[in-house]
């Protein structure tokens, strides 16, 4: 739901501004088990949410050059992390996301 997404965005902003280091495990827990997982009734679905989010909330995303979010080279962290370069990278992504970005290929 859009309200879940907005809540996650606000919480992410708060945690990143108030913590010296990125609290990856905390963010994974809050998003996967509280915000989104709170609506999930099957424990296997909760495990799936945790697994999917761990691909995005982990130290390698910021530490690894060209971190790949999927098997292909389509979804990866851009080399230049300036705001204009990131916006350009996002603008060049396909309008219809490939299933691989969600681990559903």
Protein backbone atom coordinates (compact mmCIF):
# COMPACT_ATOMS: atom_id res chain seq x y z
CA UNK A 1 0.00 0.00 0.00
CA UNK A 2 1.11 3.55 -0.60
CA UNK A 3 0.87 4.34 3.12
CA UNK A 4 3.33 1.51 3.89
CA UNK A 5 5.74 2.89 1.32
CA UNK A 6 5.46 6.42 2.75
CA UNK A 7 6.02 5.10 6.27
CA UNK A 8 9.14 3.23 5.14
CA UNK A 9 10.48 6.34 3.40
CA UNK A 10 10.00 8.43 6.54
CA UNK A 11 11.58 5.80 8.78
CA UNK A 12 14.52 5.39 6.41
CA UNK A 13 15.11 9.15 6.46
CA UNK A 14 14.96 9.26 10.26
CA UNK A 15 17.33 6.31 10.76
CA UNK A 16 19.85 7.59 8.24
CA UNK A 17 19.88 11.09 9.73
CA UNK A 18 20.08 9.98 13.37
CA UNK A 19 22.58 7.10 13.14
CA UNK A 20 26.31 7.40 12.51
CA UNK A 21 26.30 4.12 10.55
CA UNK A 22 23.57 2.65 8.39
CA UNK A 23 21.57 0.26 10.62
CA UNK A 24 21.05 -2.45 8.00
CA UNK A 25 19.67 -5.16 10.29
CA UNK A 26 17.30 -2.70 11.95
CA UNK A 27 16.00 -1.43 8.61
CA UNK A 28 15.53 -4.98 7.36
CA UNK A 29 13.58 -5.89 10.48
CA UNK A 30 11.36 -2.80 10.51
CA UNK A 31 10.52 -2.95 6.81
CA UNK A 32 10.27 -6.71 6.35
CA UNK A 33 8.64 -7.79 9.59
CA UNK A 34 6.83 -4.72 10.89
CA UNK A 35 5.75 -2.44 8.04
CA UNK A 36 5.20 -4.97 5.27
CA UNK A 37 5.42 -8.19 7.24
CA UNK A 38 2.70 -7.04 9.61
CA UNK A 39 0.19 -7.70 6.84
CA UNK A 40 1.62 -11.11 5.96
CA UNK A 41 0.09 -14.16 7.63
CA UNK A 42 2.32 -16.90 6.19
CA UNK A 43 5.75 -17.24 7.82
CA UNK A 44 7.26 -18.37 4.50
CA UNK A 45 6.11 -15.13 2.88
CA UNK A 46 7.73 -13.19 5.70
CA UNK A 47 10.98 -15.08 5.07
CA UNK A 48 10.69 -14.19 1.38
CA UNK A 49 10.27 -10.48 2.18
CA UNK A 50 13.33 -10.62 4.45
CA UNK A 51 15.38 -12.35 1.72
CA UNK A 52 14.34 -9.87 -0.96
CA UNK A 53 15.04 -6.80 1.17
CA UNK A 54 18.44 -8.14 2.25
CA UNK A 55 19.56 -7.71 -1.37
CA UNK A 56 18.94 -3.96 -1.05
CA UNK A 57 19.75 -3.26 2.62
CA UNK A 58 23.30 -4.49 3.05
CA UNK A 59 26.72 -2.85 3.34
CA UNK A 60 27.87 -4.11 -0.07
CA UNK A 61 25.42 -1.75 -1.77
CA UNK A 62 27.55 1.21 -0.71
CA UNK A 63 30.93 -0.52 -0.48
CA UNK A 64 31.01 -2.51 -3.70
CA UNK A 65 31.63 -0.68 -6.94
CA UNK A 66 28.87 -1.56 -9.40
CA UNK A 67 26.83 -3.57 -6.90
CA UNK A 68 24.40 -5.70 -8.90
CA UNK A 69 20.79 -5.83 -7.78
CA UNK A 70 20.10 -8.56 -10.32
CA UNK A 71 21.94 -11.11 -12.45
CA UNK A 72 22.12 -8.86 -15.50
CA UNK A 73 23.99 -5.59 -15.78
CA UNK A 74 20.73 -3.68 -16.10
CA UNK A 75 20.11 -3.07 -12.40
CA UNK A 76 23.28 -2.02 -10.59
CA UNK A 77 24.60 0.89 -8.60
CA UNK A 78 25.85 3.63 -10.93
CA UNK A 79 29.55 4.38 -11.04
CA UNK A 80 28.99 8.11 -10.57
CA UNK A 81 26.89 8.73 -7.46
CA UNK A 82 26.33 12.44 -8.00
CA UNK A 83 22.67 13.42 -7.95
CA UNK A 84 22.59 14.31 -11.65
CA UNK A 85 24.29 11.04 -12.67
CA UNK A 86 21.92 8.94 -10.54
CA UNK A 87 18.92 10.75 -12.00
CA UNK A 88 20.25 10.09 -15.50
CA UNK A 89 20.78 6.41 -14.70
CA UNK A 90 17.23 6.12 -13.37
CA UNK A 91 15.82 7.90 -16.43
CA UNK A 92 17.56 5.34 -18.66
CA UNK A 93 15.98 2.35 -16.89
CA UNK A 94 13.11 0.64 -18.72
CA UNK A 95 9.62 1.94 -17.99
CA UNK A 96 8.45 -1.61 -17.33
CA UNK A 97 10.66 -3.28 -14.73
CA UNK A 98 12.00 -6.71 -15.57
CA UNK A 99 10.98 -9.47 -13.10
CA UNK A 100 14.65 -10.09 -12.28
CA UNK A 101 14.86 -6.90 -10.20
CA UNK A 102 12.33 -8.42 -7.81
CA UNK A 103 13.94 -11.86 -7.82
CA UNK A 104 10.94 -13.25 -9.71
CA UNK A 105 12.63 -14.41 -12.93
